[in-house]
C-alpha atoms as a PDB file:
ATOM      1  CA  MET A   1      -7.331 -17.547 -16.040  1.00  0.00           C
ATOM      2  CA  PRO A   2      -8.182 -15.068 -12.919  1.00  0.00           C
ATOM      3  CA  GLY A   3      -7.330 -16.747  -9.246  1.00  0.00           C
ATOM      4  CA  LEU A   4      -9.479 -16.814  -6.886  1.00  0.00           C
ATOM      5  CA  PRO A   5     -10.631 -13.525  -4.610  1.00  0.00           C
ATOM      6  CA  PRO A   6      -8.465 -11.940  -2.683  1.00  0.00           C
ATOM      7  CA  GLY A   7      -8.882 -12.717   1.416  1.00  0.00           C
ATOM      8  CA  ASP A   8      -7.675  -9.728   2.518  1.00  0.00           C
ATOM      9  CA  VAL A   9      -5.175  -6.588   0.836  1.00  0.00           C
ATOM     10  CA  ASP A  10      -1.963  -5.682   1.866  1.00  0.00           C
ATOM     11  CA  VAL A  11      -1.301  -2.170   1.943  1.00  0.00           C
ATOM     12  CA  LEU A  12       2.476  -0.622   1.546  1.00  0.00           C
ATOM     13  CA  VAL A  13       2.495   3.087   2.693  1.00  0.00           C
ATOM     14  CA  VAL A  14       6.005   4.466   1.523  1.00  0.00           C
ATOM     15  CA  GLY A  15       6.807   7.601   3.687  1.00  0.00           C
ATOM     16  CA  THR A  16       6.525   9.443   6.633  1.00  0.00           C
ATOM     17  CA  PRO A  17       2.246   9.548   7.605  1.00  0.00           C
ATOM     18  CA  ALA A  18       0.989   9.869  10.911  1.00  0.00           C
ATOM     19  CA  ARG A  19       0.204   6.426  11.952  1.00  0.00           C
ATOM     20  CA  ALA A  20      -3.168   6.848  13.016  1.00  0.00           C
ATOM     21  CA  ASP A  21      -4.134   8.112   9.459  1.00  0.00           C
ATOM     22  CA  VAL A  22      -3.234   5.091   8.092  1.00  0.00           C
ATOM     23  CA  TYR A  23      -5.133   3.238  10.226  1.00  0.00           C
ATOM     24  CA  ALA A  24      -8.090   5.334  10.140  1.00  0.00           C
ATOM     25  CA  ALA A  25      -7.845   5.260   6.255  1.00  0.00           C
ATOM     26  CA  SER A  26      -7.282   1.355   5.809  1.00  0.00           C
ATOM     27  CA  ASP A  27     -10.421   0.904   8.502  1.00  0.00           C
ATOM     28  CA  VAL A  28     -12.826   3.114   5.992  1.00  0.00           C
ATOM     29  CA  ALA A  29     -11.184   0.863   3.134  1.00  0.00           C
ATOM     30  CA  GLN A  30     -11.970  -2.172   5.137  1.00  0.00           C
ATOM     31  CA  GLU A  31     -15.497  -1.646   5.374  1.00  0.00           C
ATOM     32  CA  THR A  32     -15.949  -0.073   1.608  1.00  0.00           C
ATOM     33  CA  LEU A  33     -14.235  -3.558   0.695  1.00  0.00           C
ATOM     34  CA  GLY A  34     -16.025  -6.188   3.171  1.00  0.00           C
ATOM     35  CA  LEU A  35     -12.445  -7.560   3.353  1.00  0.00           C
ATOM     36  CA  PRO A  36      -9.483  -6.936   6.027  1.00  0.00           C
ATOM     37  CA  VAL A  37      -7.228  -4.480   5.011  1.00  0.00           C
ATOM     38  CA  ASN A  38      -3.168  -4.564   6.390  1.00  0.00           C
ATOM     39  CA  PRO A  39      -1.234  -1.625   6.234  1.00  0.00           C
ATOM     40  CA  THR A  40       2.498  -2.086   6.715  1.00  0.00           C
ATOM     41  CA  VAL A  41       4.721   1.563   6.823  1.00  0.00           C
ATOM     42  CA  ARG A  42       7.898   1.823   5.371  1.00  0.00           C
ATOM     43  CA  THR A  43       9.897   5.232   5.546  1.00  0.00           C
ATOM     44  CA  VAL A  44      11.992   6.073   2.260  1.00  0.00           C
ATOM     45  CA  GLU A  45      14.874   4.785   3.347  1.00  0.00           C
ATOM     46  CA  GLN A  46      13.888   1.627   4.294  1.00  0.00           C
ATOM     47  CA  TRP A  47      12.061   1.123   1.046  1.00  0.00           C
ATOM     48  CA  THR A  48      15.298   1.699  -0.552  1.00  0.00           C
ATOM     49  CA  GLN A  49      17.185  -0.517   1.242  1.00  0.00           C
ATOM     50  CA  PRO A  50      17.937  -3.870  -1.012  1.00  0.00           C
ATOM     51  CA  THR A  51      18.632  -6.002   2.506  1.00  0.00           C
ATOM     52  CA  ASP A  52      15.795  -5.668   4.085  1.00  0.00           C
ATOM     53  CA  ASN A  53      13.471  -8.862   3.608  1.00  0.00           C
ATOM     54  CA  LEU A  54       9.804  -7.020   3.082  1.00  0.00           C
ATOM     55  CA  VAL A  55      10.943  -5.218   0.051  1.00  0.00           C
ATOM     56  CA  ARG A  56      12.887  -7.623  -1.437  1.00  0.00           C
ATOM     57  CA  GLU A  57       9.743  -9.833  -1.449  1.00  0.00           C
ATOM     58  CA  ILE A  58       7.898  -6.882  -2.538  1.00  0.00           C
ATOM     59  CA  ARG A  59       9.892  -6.063  -5.121  1.00  0.00           C
ATOM     60  CA  SER A  60      10.203  -9.266  -6.542  1.00  0.00           C
ATOM     61  CA  SER A  61       6.282  -9.552  -6.963  1.00  0.00           C
ATOM     62  CA  PRO A  62       3.827  -7.973  -9.098  1.00  0.00           C
ATOM     63  CA  LEU A  63       2.681  -4.432  -7.979  1.00  0.00           C
ATOM     64  CA  VAL A  64      -0.372  -1.929  -8.017  1.00  0.00           C
ATOM     65  CA  THR A  65       0.519   1.143  -7.673  1.00  0.00           C
ATOM     66  CA  VAL A  66      -2.630   3.188  -6.582  1.00  0.00           C
ATOM     67  CA  LEU A  67      -1.468   6.631  -6.227  1.00  0.00           C
ATOM     68  CA  ASP A  68       1.517   7.771  -6.949  1.00  0.00           C
ATOM     69  CA  LEU A  69       2.249  11.891  -5.803  1.00  0.00           C
ATOM     70  CA  ASP A  70       5.301  12.224  -7.796  1.00  0.00           C
ATOM     71  CA  THR A  71       3.205  11.903 -11.212  1.00  0.00           C
ATOM     72  CA  ASP A  72      -0.556  11.931  -9.520  1.00  0.00           C
ATOM     73  CA  GLN A  73      -0.238  15.222  -7.708  1.00  0.00           C
ATOM     74  CA  GLY A  74      -2.955  18.455  -8.892  1.00  0.00           C
ATOM     75  CA  LYS A  75      -4.365  15.499 -11.148  1.00  0.00           C
ATOM     76  CA  GLU A  76      -8.333  15.280 -10.811  1.00  0.00           C
ATOM     77  CA  SER A  77     -10.409  12.746 -11.301  1.00  0.00           C
ATOM     78  CA  SER A  78     -12.551  12.377 -14.015  1.00  0.00           C
END
């Protein structure tokens, strides 16, 4: 049974992007979705640390991968 619609969208970006780019993209997503978009940036090193509380919480929860550059790079959308 579906749950309630989300009140916001939390996005995890793993890597070292320019923060201005992350916030600009989240602003566009927020306008498109009509929901607050909350980006969090973690380096690859942080993402692989099992002692990081945020990482531990995320890894124990269901995830939705939107873009995986290791497998999606070079693919064209249909």
